[in-house]
Amino acid sequence: KGILEIQTSPPEGPNLTYELSTREKICSKMLHRDPYEKQMVEVKKSEADDAGEGVFAHKDIPAATVVAFYNGIRIPADEEDTDDSWDDCSYRIFVAIDDGTDIDNDDTERMDMPAVFRSTENYCATVAHKINHSFNPNCNFSKFIHPMFGPIPCVITSKHVTAGEELFTYYKYLLSDCPEWYSSLWEEQ
């Protein structure tokens, strides 16, 4: 039977390390796509009206599959939200988000994508911040412990998604405090 011999080769690609984001810094490799996410999705022009970019499935993806991650700057739970405009805070999300998250509770850590990094030309290490809203989504937000970015929100398919299909999630904005485009979409329902 003999002795099993293992052959190894030098690692390829950039050296990736654990890098929890802070209030001031997202990560050091801002343009290095997450390898798993890169296999699952791509960013391109959205098919939704006035939406800009969107996220699309690279391949057929079954329901209950993690497809994208949402990294950004961390806003501590004890830091109160300011009176930012919707443009300023439209990318803010709870770190520990899932179907049971109380969206009226500001007493939890939040993740935000500063305006300068919303473009994939400046940041694309994760791309869940590019997933658009729908009241009939095919994905939802959840929690994930990422090997490089630690605890961050992720996006999971809620139904089977076909290759080339755009991904959408339900933003859960309050109708009493939401941008005009959101309330307009709600009224069109």
C-alpha atoms as a PDB file:
ATOM      1  CA  LYS A   1       0.000   0.000   0.000  1.00  0.00           C
ATOM      2  CA  GLY A   2       2.854   2.401   0.576  1.00  0.00           C
ATOM      3  CA  ILE A   3       3.110   5.877   2.028  1.00  0.00           C
ATOM      4  CA  LEU A   4       0.959   8.660   0.690  1.00  0.00           C
ATOM      5  CA  GLU A   5       3.051  11.482  -0.718  1.00  0.00           C
ATOM      6  CA  ILE A   6       1.535  14.939  -0.880  1.00  0.00           C
ATOM      7  CA  GLN A   7       2.721  17.371  -3.496  1.00  0.00           C
ATOM      8  CA  THR A   8       2.200  21.079  -2.996  1.00  0.00           C
ATOM      9  CA  SER A   9       2.641  24.105  -5.188  1.00  0.00           C
ATOM     10  CA  PRO A  10       3.295  27.736  -4.346  1.00  0.00           C
ATOM     11  CA  PRO A  11       0.097  29.720  -3.688  1.00  0.00           C
ATOM     12  CA  GLU A  12      -1.125  31.962  -6.501  1.00  0.00           C
ATOM     13  CA  GLY A  13      -2.795  35.367  -6.397  1.00  0.00           C
ATOM     14  CA  PRO A  14      -2.689  38.099  -3.782  1.00  0.00           C
ATOM     15  CA  ASN A  15      -2.134  37.395  -0.121  1.00  0.00           C
ATOM     16  CA  LEU A  16      -5.583  37.696   1.480  1.00  0.00           C
ATOM     17  CA  THR A  17      -5.844  38.196   5.233  1.00  0.00           C
ATOM     18  CA  TYR A  18      -8.527  38.846   7.838  1.00  0.00           C
ATOM     19  CA  GLU A  19      -9.375  42.552   7.810  1.00  0.00           C
ATOM     20  CA  LEU A  20     -12.374  43.701   9.854  1.00  0.00           C
ATOM     21  CA  SER A  21     -13.592  47.081   8.602  1.00  0.00           C
ATOM     22  CA  THR A  22     -13.631  50.121  10.894  1.00  0.00           C
ATOM     23  CA  ARG A  23     -15.386  53.495  10.944  1.00  0.00           C
ATOM     24  CA  GLU A  24     -12.573  54.868   8.756  1.00  0.00           C
ATOM     25  CA  LYS A  25     -11.481  51.942   6.532  1.00  0.00           C
ATOM     26  CA  ILE A  26     -13.293  49.271   4.541  1.00  0.00           C
ATOM     27  CA  CYS A  27     -10.305  47.137   3.513  1.00  0.00           C
ATOM     28  CA  SER A  28      -6.917  47.438   1.859  1.00  0.00           C
ATOM     29  CA  LYS A  29      -7.730  45.547  -1.366  1.00  0.00           C
ATOM     30  CA  MET A  30     -10.702  47.647  -2.479  1.00  0.00           C
ATOM     31  CA  LEU A  31     -10.683  46.388  -6.084  1.00  0.00           C
ATOM     32  CA  HIS A  32      -9.951  42.698  -5.431  1.00  0.00           C
ATOM     33  CA  ARG A  33     -13.239  40.817  -5.898  1.00  0.00           C
ATOM     34  CA  ASP A  34     -14.217  38.206  -3.349  1.00  0.00           C
ATOM     35  CA  PRO A  35     -13.322  34.905  -5.121  1.00  0.00           C
ATOM     36  CA  TYR A  36     -16.576  33.129  -4.179  1.00  0.00           C
ATOM     37  CA  GLU A  37     -18.792  36.098  -5.031  1.00  0.00           C
ATOM     38  CA  LYS A  38     -16.985  36.549  -8.371  1.00  0.00           C
ATOM     39  CA  GLN A  39     -18.035  33.003  -9.366  1.00  0.00           C
ATOM     40  CA  MET A  40     -21.671  33.725  -8.492  1.00  0.00           C
ATOM     41  CA  VAL A  41     -22.512  37.260  -9.688  1.00  0.00           C
ATOM     42  CA  GLU A  42     -21.488  40.204 -11.849  1.00  0.00           C
ATOM     43  CA  VAL A  43     -22.343  43.913 -11.836  1.00  0.00           C
ATOM     44  CA  LYS A  44     -23.744  45.554 -14.947  1.00  0.00           C
ATOM     45  CA  LYS A  45     -26.435  48.014 -16.050  1.00  0.00           C
ATOM     46  CA  SER A  46     -29.676  47.289 -14.189  1.00  0.00           C
ATOM     47  CA  GLU A  47     -32.872  46.435 -16.005  1.00  0.00           C
ATOM     48  CA  ALA A  48     -34.872  48.335 -13.359  1.00  0.00           C
ATOM     49  CA  ASP A  49     -36.049  51.844 -14.223  1.00  0.00           C
ATOM     50  CA  ASP A  50     -33.636  54.608 -13.091  1.00  0.00           C
ATOM     51  CA  ALA A  51     -31.582  52.118 -11.073  1.00  0.00           C
ATOM     52  CA  GLY A  52     -28.039  52.493 -12.463  1.00  0.00           C
ATOM     53  CA  GLU A  53     -26.059  49.299 -11.900  1.00  0.00           C
ATOM     54  CA  GLY A  54     -27.427  45.997 -10.659  1.00  0.00           C
ATOM     55  CA  VAL A  55     -26.183  42.523  -9.743  1.00  0.00           C
ATOM     56  CA  PHE A  56     -26.798  39.549 -12.045  1.00  0.00           C
ATOM     57  CA  ALA A  57     -26.369  35.784 -11.623  1.00  0.00           C
ATOM     58  CA  HIS A  58     -23.378  34.307 -13.485  1.00  0.00           C
ATOM     59  CA  LYS A  59     -24.998  30.869 -13.513  1.00  0.00           C
ATOM     60  CA  ASP A  60     -28.163  29.081 -12.412  1.00  0.00           C
ATOM     61  CA  ILE A  61     -28.320  29.364  -8.627  1.00  0.00           C
ATOM     62  CA  PRO A  62     -30.615  27.307  -6.381  1.00  0.00           C
ATOM     63  CA  ALA A  63     -32.726  28.833  -3.631  1.00  0.00           C
ATOM     64  CA  ALA A  64     -31.053  29.390  -0.235  1.00  0.00           C
ATOM     65  CA  THR A  65     -27.598  30.059  -1.742  1.00  0.00           C
ATOM     66  CA  VAL A  66     -25.301  32.850  -0.565  1.00  0.00           C
ATOM     67  CA  VAL A  67     -24.531  34.973  -3.633  1.00  0.00           C
ATOM     68  CA  ALA A  68     -23.062  38.293  -2.444  1.00  0.00           C
ATOM     69  CA  PHE A  69     -21.520  40.064   0.543  1.00  0.00           C
ATOM     70  CA  TYR A  70     -21.989  43.576   1.927  1.00  0.00           C
ATOM     71  CA  ASN A  71     -18.807  45.029   3.401  1.00  0.00           C
ATOM     72  CA  GLY A  72     -18.381  48.725   4.176  1.00  0.00           C
ATOM     73  CA  ILE A  73     -17.463  51.036   7.031  1.00  0.00           C
ATOM     74  CA  ARG A  74     -18.788  50.026  10.446  1.00  0.00           C
ATOM     75  CA  ILE A  75     -20.937  52.395  12.439  1.00  0.00           C
ATOM     76  CA  PRO A  76     -20.886  51.298  16.100  1.00  0.00           C
ATOM     77  CA  ALA A  77     -24.181  50.499  17.838  1.00  0.00           C
ATOM     78  CA  ASP A  78     -23.624  53.327  20.341  1.00  0.00           C
ATOM     79  CA  GLU A  79     -23.200  55.938  17.590  1.00  0.00           C
ATOM     80  CA  GLU A  80     -26.511  57.621  16.868  1.00  0.00           C
ATOM     81  CA  ASP A  81     -27.666  58.179  13.319  1.00  0.00           C
ATOM     82  CA  THR A  82     -27.435  61.797  12.278  1.00  0.00           C
ATOM     83  CA  ASP A  83     -29.999  63.705  10.269  1.00  0.00           C
ATOM     84  CA  ASP A  84     -28.365  62.620   7.012  1.00  0.00           C
ATOM     85  CA  SER A  85     -30.255  62.986   3.756  1.00  0.00           C
ATOM     86  CA  TRP A  86     -31.426  59.838   1.967  1.00  0.00           C
ATOM     87  CA  ASP A  87     -28.562  60.266  -0.494  1.00  0.00           C
ATOM     88  CA  ASP A  88     -26.089  60.221   2.398  1.00  0.00           C
ATOM     89  CA  CYS A  89     -27.482  57.175   4.214  1.00  0.00           C
ATOM     90  CA  SER A  90     -29.132  55.170   1.430  1.00  0.00           C
ATOM     91  CA  TYR A  91     -26.494  52.419   1.630  1.00  0.00           C
ATOM     92  CA  ARG A  92     -26.690  51.958   5.413  1.00  0.00           C
ATOM     93  CA  ILE A  93     -27.646  48.461   6.574  1.00  0.00           C
ATOM     94  CA  PHE A  94     -27.657  46.525   9.855  1.00  0.00           C
ATOM     95  CA  VAL A  95     -24.680  44.187  10.226  1.00  0.00           C
ATOM     96  CA  ALA A  96     -26.784  41.525  11.974  1.00  0.00           C
ATOM     97  CA  ILE A  97     -29.663  41.609   9.493  1.00  0.00           C
ATOM     98  CA  ASP A  98     -32.073  38.802   8.732  1.00  0.00           C
ATOM     99  CA  ASP A  99     -35.835  38.279   8.677  1.00  0.00           C
ATOM    100  CA  GLY A 100     -36.019  38.768  12.456  1.00  0.00           C
ATOM    101  CA  THR A 101     -34.110  42.093  12.595  1.00  0.00           C
ATOM    102  CA  ASP A 102     -36.088  44.960  14.137  1.00  0.00           C
ATOM    103  CA  ILE A 103     -35.675  47.651  11.474  1.00  0.00           C
ATOM    104  CA  ASP A 104     -37.002  50.293  13.889  1.00  0.00           C
ATOM    105  CA  ASN A 105     -34.139  49.638  16.325  1.00  0.00           C
ATOM    106  CA  ASP A 106     -31.106  51.881  15.857  1.00  0.00           C
ATOM    107  CA  ASP A 107     -29.294  50.176  18.751  1.00  0.00           C
ATOM    108  CA  THR A 108     -27.237  47.811  16.611  1.00  0.00           C
ATOM    109  CA  GLU A 109     -24.041  47.995  14.567  1.00  0.00           C
ATOM    110  CA  ARG A 110     -24.537  49.263  11.030  1.00  0.00           C
ATOM    111  CA  MET A 111     -22.577  48.967   7.810  1.00  0.00           C
ATOM    112  CA  ASP A 112     -22.399  51.871   5.345  1.00  0.00           C
ATOM    113  CA  MET A 113     -20.906  52.465   1.919  1.00  0.00           C
ATOM    114  CA  PRO A 114     -19.541  56.033   1.678  1.00  0.00           C
ATOM    115  CA  ALA A 115     -20.556  57.806  -1.550  1.00  0.00           C
ATOM    116  CA  VAL A 116     -16.994  57.772  -2.954  1.00  0.00           C
ATOM    117  CA  PHE A 117     -16.935  53.930  -2.814  1.00  0.00           C
ATOM    118  CA  ARG A 118     -20.393  53.231  -4.274  1.00  0.00           C
ATOM    119  CA  SER A 119     -18.912  53.013  -7.773  1.00  0.00           C
ATOM    120  CA  THR A 120     -17.305  49.698  -8.710  1.00  0.00           C
ATOM    121  CA  GLU A 121     -14.428  51.741 -10.121  1.00  0.00           C
ATOM    122  CA  ASN A 122     -13.485  52.641  -6.528  1.00  0.00           C
ATOM    123  CA  TYR A 123     -14.716  49.570  -4.595  1.00  0.00           C
ATOM    124  CA  CYS A 124     -15.724  46.093  -5.734  1.00  0.00           C
ATOM    125  CA  ALA A 125     -14.255  43.743  -3.114  1.00  0.00           C
ATOM    126  CA  THR A 126     -17.899  42.902  -2.331  1.00  0.00           C
ATOM    127  CA  VAL A 127     -20.867  43.906  -4.479  1.00  0.00           C
ATOM    128  CA  ALA A 128     -24.085  43.381  -2.486  1.00  0.00           C
ATOM    129  CA  HIS A 129     -24.367  47.177  -2.199  1.00  0.00           C
ATOM    130  CA  LYS A 130     -25.252  47.097  -5.922  1.00  0.00           C
ATOM    131  CA  ILE A 131     -28.330  44.874  -5.488  1.00  0.00           C
ATOM    132  CA  ASN A 132     -31.496  46.834  -6.187  1.00  0.00           C
ATOM    133  CA  HIS A 133     -34.835  46.848  -4.403  1.00  0.00           C
ATOM    134  CA  SER A 134     -38.041  45.054  -5.351  1.00  0.00           C
ATOM    135  CA  PHE A 135     -41.280  44.418  -3.464  1.00  0.00           C
ATOM    136  CA  ASN A 136     -41.143  40.984  -5.191  1.00  0.00           C
ATOM    137  CA  PRO A 137     -37.508  40.044  -4.528  1.00  0.00           C
ATOM    138  CA  ASN A 138     -35.645  36.878  -5.449  1.00  0.00           C
ATOM    139  CA  CYS A 139     -33.113  37.344  -2.610  1.00  0.00           C
ATOM    140  CA  ASN A 140     -32.971  38.484   1.002  1.00  0.00           C
ATOM    141  CA  PHE A 141     -30.363  39.834   3.399  1.00  0.00           C
ATOM    142  CA  SER A 142     -28.895  37.626   6.107  1.00  0.00           C
ATOM    143  CA  LYS A 143     -25.840  37.368   8.365  1.00  0.00           C
ATOM    144  CA  PHE A 144     -22.493  35.878   7.414  1.00  0.00           C
ATOM    145  CA  ILE A 145     -19.121  35.355   9.085  1.00  0.00           C
ATOM    146  CA  HIS A 146     -16.774  36.110   6.196  1.00  0.00           C
ATOM    147  CA  PRO A 147     -13.228  34.677   6.331  1.00  0.00           C
ATOM    148  CA  MET A 148     -11.686  38.044   5.380  1.00  0.00           C
ATOM    149  CA  PHE A 149     -14.218  40.649   6.565  1.00  0.00           C
ATOM    150  CA  GLY A 150     -15.712  39.032   9.685  1.00  0.00           C
ATOM    151  CA  PRO A 151     -19.406  39.478  10.514  1.00  0.00           C
ATOM    152  CA  ILE A 152     -21.093  41.233   7.582  1.00  0.00           C
ATOM    153  CA  PRO A 153     -24.470  41.124   5.845  1.00  0.00           C
ATOM    154  CA  CYS A 154     -24.830  38.770   2.902  1.00  0.00           C
ATOM    155  CA  VAL A 155     -27.462  38.188   0.242  1.00  0.00           C
ATOM    156  CA  ILE A 156     -29.114  34.784  -0.160  1.00  0.00           C
ATOM    157  CA  THR A 157     -31.374  33.655  -2.984  1.00  0.00           C
ATOM    158  CA  SER A 158     -34.960  33.109  -1.825  1.00  0.00           C
ATOM    159  CA  LYS A 159     -35.879  31.166  -4.986  1.00  0.00           C
ATOM    160  CA  HIS A 160     -34.106  29.563  -7.927  1.00  0.00           C
ATOM    161  CA  VAL A 161     -32.337  32.212 -10.047  1.00  0.00           C
ATOM    162  CA  THR A 162     -31.323  31.578 -13.658  1.00  0.00           C
ATOM    163  CA  ALA A 163     -28.059  32.650 -15.287  1.00  0.00           C
ATOM    164  CA  GLY A 164     -28.287  36.286 -16.410  1.00  0.00           C
ATOM    165  CA  GLU A 165     -31.210  37.098 -14.086  1.00  0.00           C
ATOM    166  CA  GLU A 166     -30.952  40.299 -12.038  1.00  0.00           C
ATOM    167  CA  LEU A 167     -30.987  39.929  -8.263  1.00  0.00           C
ATOM    168  CA  PHE A 168     -33.331  42.008  -6.127  1.00  0.00           C
ATOM    169  CA  THR A 169     -33.941  42.266  -2.398  1.00  0.00           C
ATOM    170  CA  TYR A 170     -36.581  43.986  -0.300  1.00  0.00           C
ATOM    171  CA  TYR A 171     -35.050  47.040   1.422  1.00  0.00           C
ATOM    172  CA  LYS A 172     -37.679  47.204   4.226  1.00  0.00           C
ATOM    173  CA  TYR A 173     -37.721  51.005   4.388  1.00  0.00           C
ATOM    174  CA  LEU A 174     -40.490  52.512   6.511  1.00  0.00           C
ATOM    175  CA  LEU A 175     -43.103  54.181   4.289  1.00  0.00           C
ATOM    176  CA  SER A 176     -43.201  57.029   6.816  1.00  0.00           C
ATOM    177  CA  ASP A 177     -39.457  57.639   6.308  1.00  0.00           C
ATOM    178  CA  CYS A 178     -38.279  56.616   2.849  1.00  0.00           C
ATOM    179  CA  PRO A 179     -37.022  58.134  -0.403  1.00  0.00           C
ATOM    180  CA  GLU A 180     -39.598  59.261  -2.950  1.00  0.00           C
ATOM    181  CA  TRP A 181     -38.721  56.537  -5.475  1.00  0.00           C
ATOM    182  CA  TYR A 182     -39.539  53.875  -2.846  1.00  0.00           C
ATOM    183  CA  SER A 183     -42.970  55.271  -1.936  1.00  0.00           C
ATOM    184  CA  SER A 184     -43.732  55.705  -5.665  1.00  0.00           C
ATOM    185  CA  LEU A 185     -42.920  52.054  -6.297  1.00  0.00           C
ATOM    186  CA  TRP A 186     -45.120  51.064  -3.365  1.00  0.00           C
ATOM    187  CA  GLU A 187     -48.053  53.054  -4.773  1.00  0.00           C
ATOM    188  CA  GLU A 188     -47.608  51.353  -8.162  1.00  0.00           C
ATOM    189  CA  GLN A 189     -48.102  47.944  -6.539  1.00  0.00           C
END
